[in-house]
Amino acid sequence: MNNEFDLFEDLANNPSNYPNDLVKLIEAMEDDYNNACLDYIDLANYVEKAEAIGYTFDYGLDAEAFGLKKIVS
C-alpha cells in the first residue's frame, strides 16, 4: 500500500467536504457492515456505485474497505 491519504478517515470527520451522494453511500455501507451483512461481493457493488460518482476504494476478502480516493482522470 502506498502513502496516499485514505479519504475514509477524512470523510468520517468532515462529511460536508464531500458530495452528499458519497456520504450517503458510505453511511449505507457502514450500516451494512455494522449489521454483519457485508461481504466482499457487496463491496464490489459499493465500488461500482462509488465509481459512478467519481470515487473508488479497495477491499479484501475479509470485507474491509480501505483506500477511498477520488478518481483522477
N, C-alpha and C. Protein backbone atom coordinates (compact mmCIF):
# COMPACT_ATOMS: atom_id res chain seq x y z
N MET A 1 0.84 -1.18 0.00
CA MET A 1 0.00 0.00 0.00
C MET A 1 0.88 1.24 0.00
N ASN A 2 0.47 2.24 -0.74
CA ASN A 2 1.26 3.46 -0.81
C ASN A 2 0.91 4.39 0.34
N ASN A 3 1.53 5.56 0.36
CA ASN A 3 1.32 6.52 1.44
C ASN A 3 0.18 7.49 1.16
N GLU A 4 -0.65 7.19 0.20
CA GLU A 4 -1.76 8.07 -0.15
C GLU A 4 -2.75 8.16 1.00
N PHE A 5 -3.27 9.37 1.22
CA PHE A 5 -4.23 9.60 2.30
C PHE A 5 -5.54 8.88 2.01
N ASP A 6 -6.06 8.19 2.99
CA ASP A 6 -7.31 7.45 2.86
C ASP A 6 -8.47 8.39 3.20
N LEU A 7 -9.30 8.69 2.22
CA LEU A 7 -10.40 9.62 2.43
C LEU A 7 -11.47 9.09 3.37
N PHE A 8 -11.49 7.79 3.65
CA PHE A 8 -12.45 7.27 4.63
C PHE A 8 -12.28 8.00 5.97
N GLU A 9 -11.03 8.25 6.37
CA GLU A 9 -10.77 8.93 7.63
C GLU A 9 -11.28 10.36 7.61
N ASP A 10 -10.99 11.08 6.55
CA ASP A 10 -11.42 12.47 6.47
C ASP A 10 -12.93 12.58 6.31
N LEU A 11 -13.51 11.67 5.55
CA LEU A 11 -14.97 11.69 5.34
C LEU A 11 -15.71 11.53 6.67
N ALA A 12 -15.19 10.70 7.55
CA ALA A 12 -15.84 10.49 8.85
C ALA A 12 -15.82 11.76 9.69
N ASN A 13 -14.76 12.55 9.56
CA ASN A 13 -14.62 13.77 10.36
C ASN A 13 -15.16 15.02 9.68
N ASN A 14 -15.21 15.02 8.36
CA ASN A 14 -15.60 16.21 7.61
C ASN A 14 -16.55 15.89 6.47
N PRO A 15 -17.71 15.32 6.75
CA PRO A 15 -18.60 14.90 5.67
C PRO A 15 -19.06 16.04 4.76
N SER A 16 -19.10 17.25 5.28
CA SER A 16 -19.55 18.38 4.45
C SER A 16 -18.58 18.71 3.33
N ASN A 17 -17.36 18.17 3.38
CA ASN A 17 -16.37 18.40 2.32
C ASN A 17 -16.55 17.48 1.12
N TYR A 18 -17.53 16.58 1.19
CA TYR A 18 -17.71 15.57 0.15
C TYR A 18 -19.11 15.62 -0.43
N PRO A 19 -19.27 15.10 -1.65
CA PRO A 19 -20.61 15.07 -2.25
C PRO A 19 -21.59 14.29 -1.37
N ASN A 20 -22.80 14.78 -1.27
CA ASN A 20 -23.83 14.15 -0.46
C ASN A 20 -24.06 12.70 -0.88
N ASP A 21 -24.00 12.42 -2.18
CA ASP A 21 -24.19 11.05 -2.67
C ASP A 21 -23.12 10.11 -2.10
N LEU A 22 -21.89 10.60 -2.02
CA LEU A 22 -20.81 9.77 -1.48
C LEU A 22 -21.03 9.53 0.02
N VAL A 23 -21.40 10.57 0.75
CA VAL A 23 -21.64 10.43 2.19
C VAL A 23 -22.74 9.41 2.44
N LYS A 24 -23.84 9.50 1.69
CA LYS A 24 -24.94 8.55 1.85
C LYS A 24 -24.50 7.13 1.52
N LEU A 25 -23.72 6.97 0.47
CA LEU A 25 -23.23 5.65 0.07
C LEU A 25 -22.36 5.03 1.17
N ILE A 26 -21.45 5.80 1.71
CA ILE A 26 -20.55 5.29 2.74
C ILE A 26 -21.33 5.00 4.02
N GLU A 27 -22.32 5.83 4.34
CA GLU A 27 -23.16 5.56 5.52
C GLU A 27 -23.93 4.25 5.35
N ALA A 28 -24.46 4.01 4.16
CA ALA A 28 -25.19 2.76 3.90
C ALA A 28 -24.24 1.57 4.02
N MET A 29 -23.03 1.73 3.51
CA MET A 29 -22.04 0.66 3.59
C MET A 29 -21.69 0.38 5.06
N GLU A 30 -21.52 1.43 5.86
CA GLU A 30 -21.21 1.26 7.27
C GLU A 30 -22.38 0.59 8.00
N ASP A 31 -23.61 0.95 7.66
CA ASP A 31 -24.77 0.30 8.28
C ASP A 31 -24.77 -1.20 7.98
N ASP A 32 -24.50 -1.55 6.72
CA ASP A 32 -24.43 -2.97 6.35
C ASP A 32 -23.31 -3.67 7.12
N TYR A 33 -22.18 -3.00 7.23
CA TYR A 33 -21.05 -3.58 7.95
C TYR A 33 -21.41 -3.80 9.42
N ASN A 34 -22.02 -2.80 10.04
CA ASN A 34 -22.39 -2.91 11.46
C ASN A 34 -23.46 -3.97 11.71
N ASN A 35 -24.28 -4.24 10.70
CA ASN A 35 -25.31 -5.27 10.82
C ASN A 35 -24.79 -6.65 10.40
N ALA A 36 -23.49 -6.75 10.18
CA ALA A 36 -22.82 -8.00 9.83
C ALA A 36 -23.39 -8.65 8.58
N CYS A 37 -23.80 -7.81 7.63
CA CYS A 37 -24.32 -8.40 6.39
C CYS A 37 -23.58 -7.84 5.17
N LEU A 38 -22.30 -7.55 5.33
CA LEU A 38 -21.50 -7.01 4.24
C LEU A 38 -20.38 -7.99 3.94
N ASP A 39 -20.29 -8.44 2.69
CA ASP A 39 -19.19 -9.31 2.30
C ASP A 39 -18.49 -8.70 1.09
N TYR A 40 -17.46 -9.37 0.59
CA TYR A 40 -16.68 -8.79 -0.49
C TYR A 40 -17.49 -8.64 -1.77
N ILE A 41 -18.51 -9.45 -1.97
CA ILE A 41 -19.37 -9.29 -3.15
C ILE A 41 -20.18 -8.00 -3.02
N ASP A 42 -20.69 -7.74 -1.83
CA ASP A 42 -21.40 -6.48 -1.59
C ASP A 42 -20.47 -5.29 -1.81
N LEU A 43 -19.23 -5.41 -1.35
CA LEU A 43 -18.27 -4.32 -1.53
C LEU A 43 -18.00 -4.05 -3.00
N ALA A 44 -17.99 -5.08 -3.82
CA ALA A 44 -17.81 -4.87 -5.26
C ALA A 44 -18.94 -4.01 -5.80
N ASN A 45 -20.15 -4.22 -5.31
CA ASN A 45 -21.28 -3.39 -5.72
C ASN A 45 -21.13 -1.95 -5.23
N TYR A 46 -20.63 -1.79 -4.00
CA TYR A 46 -20.41 -0.44 -3.49
C TYR A 46 -19.32 0.28 -4.28
N VAL A 47 -18.29 -0.44 -4.70
CA VAL A 47 -17.24 0.18 -5.52
C VAL A 47 -17.85 0.70 -6.83
N GLU A 48 -18.70 -0.08 -7.46
CA GLU A 48 -19.35 0.36 -8.70
C GLU A 48 -20.15 1.64 -8.47
N LYS A 49 -20.88 1.70 -7.37
CA LYS A 49 -21.67 2.89 -7.06
C LYS A 49 -20.77 4.09 -6.78
N ALA A 50 -19.68 3.86 -6.07
CA ALA A 50 -18.73 4.94 -5.77
C ALA A 50 -18.08 5.44 -7.06
N GLU A 51 -17.71 4.53 -7.95
CA GLU A 51 -17.09 4.93 -9.21
C GLU A 51 -18.04 5.76 -10.06
N ALA A 52 -19.33 5.49 -9.95
CA ALA A 52 -20.31 6.26 -10.72
C ALA A 52 -20.35 7.72 -10.28
N ILE A 53 -19.89 8.01 -9.07
CA ILE A 53 -19.87 9.40 -8.60
C ILE A 53 -18.44 9.93 -8.46
N GLY A 54 -17.47 9.21 -9.05
CA GLY A 54 -16.11 9.73 -9.15
C GLY A 54 -15.14 9.33 -8.05
N TYR A 55 -15.47 8.31 -7.28
CA TYR A 55 -14.59 7.84 -6.21
C TYR A 55 -14.42 6.32 -6.34
N THR A 56 -13.39 5.80 -5.69
CA THR A 56 -13.18 4.36 -5.66
C THR A 56 -12.48 3.99 -4.36
N PHE A 57 -12.46 2.71 -4.05
CA PHE A 57 -11.75 2.20 -2.89
C PHE A 57 -11.41 0.75 -3.13
N ASP A 58 -10.54 0.22 -2.29
CA ASP A 58 -10.13 -1.17 -2.37
C ASP A 58 -10.74 -1.93 -1.20
N TYR A 59 -10.68 -3.25 -1.27
CA TYR A 59 -11.19 -4.10 -0.19
C TYR A 59 -10.57 -5.47 -0.35
N GLY A 60 -10.61 -6.22 0.75
CA GLY A 60 -10.08 -7.58 0.72
C GLY A 60 -11.20 -8.58 0.91
N LEU A 61 -10.84 -9.85 0.88
CA LEU A 61 -11.82 -10.91 1.08
C LEU A 61 -12.40 -10.89 2.49
N ASP A 62 -11.75 -10.15 3.38
CA ASP A 62 -12.26 -10.01 4.75
C ASP A 62 -13.34 -8.93 4.85
N ALA A 63 -13.72 -8.35 3.73
CA ALA A 63 -14.76 -7.31 3.66
C ALA A 63 -14.36 -6.04 4.41
N GLU A 64 -13.07 -5.74 4.41
CA GLU A 64 -12.57 -4.50 4.99
C GLU A 64 -12.25 -3.54 3.85
N ALA A 65 -12.98 -2.43 3.82
CA ALA A 65 -12.75 -1.41 2.79
C ALA A 65 -11.62 -0.49 3.24
N PHE A 66 -10.82 -0.03 2.28
CA PHE A 66 -9.73 0.89 2.58
C PHE A 66 -9.37 1.65 1.31
N GLY A 67 -8.64 2.73 1.50
CA GLY A 67 -8.10 3.46 0.36
C GLY A 67 -9.12 4.25 -0.45
N LEU A 68 -10.11 4.85 0.19
CA LEU A 68 -11.07 5.67 -0.55
C LEU A 68 -10.32 6.84 -1.17
N LYS A 69 -10.55 7.05 -2.46
CA LYS A 69 -9.88 8.14 -3.16
C LYS A 69 -10.73 8.62 -4.31
N LYS A 70 -10.49 9.85 -4.71
CA LYS A 70 -11.17 10.43 -5.86
C LYS A 70 -10.50 9.87 -7.11
N ILE A 71 -11.30 9.54 -8.11
CA ILE A 71 -10.75 9.05 -9.37
C ILE A 71 -10.20 10.23 -10.14
N VAL A 72 -8.95 10.14 -10.52
CA VAL A 72 -8.28 11.20 -11.28
C VAL A 72 -8.28 10.80 -12.74
N SER A 73 -8.82 11.68 -13.56
CA SER A 73 -8.87 11.35 -15.00
C SER A 73 -7.76 12.00 -15.76
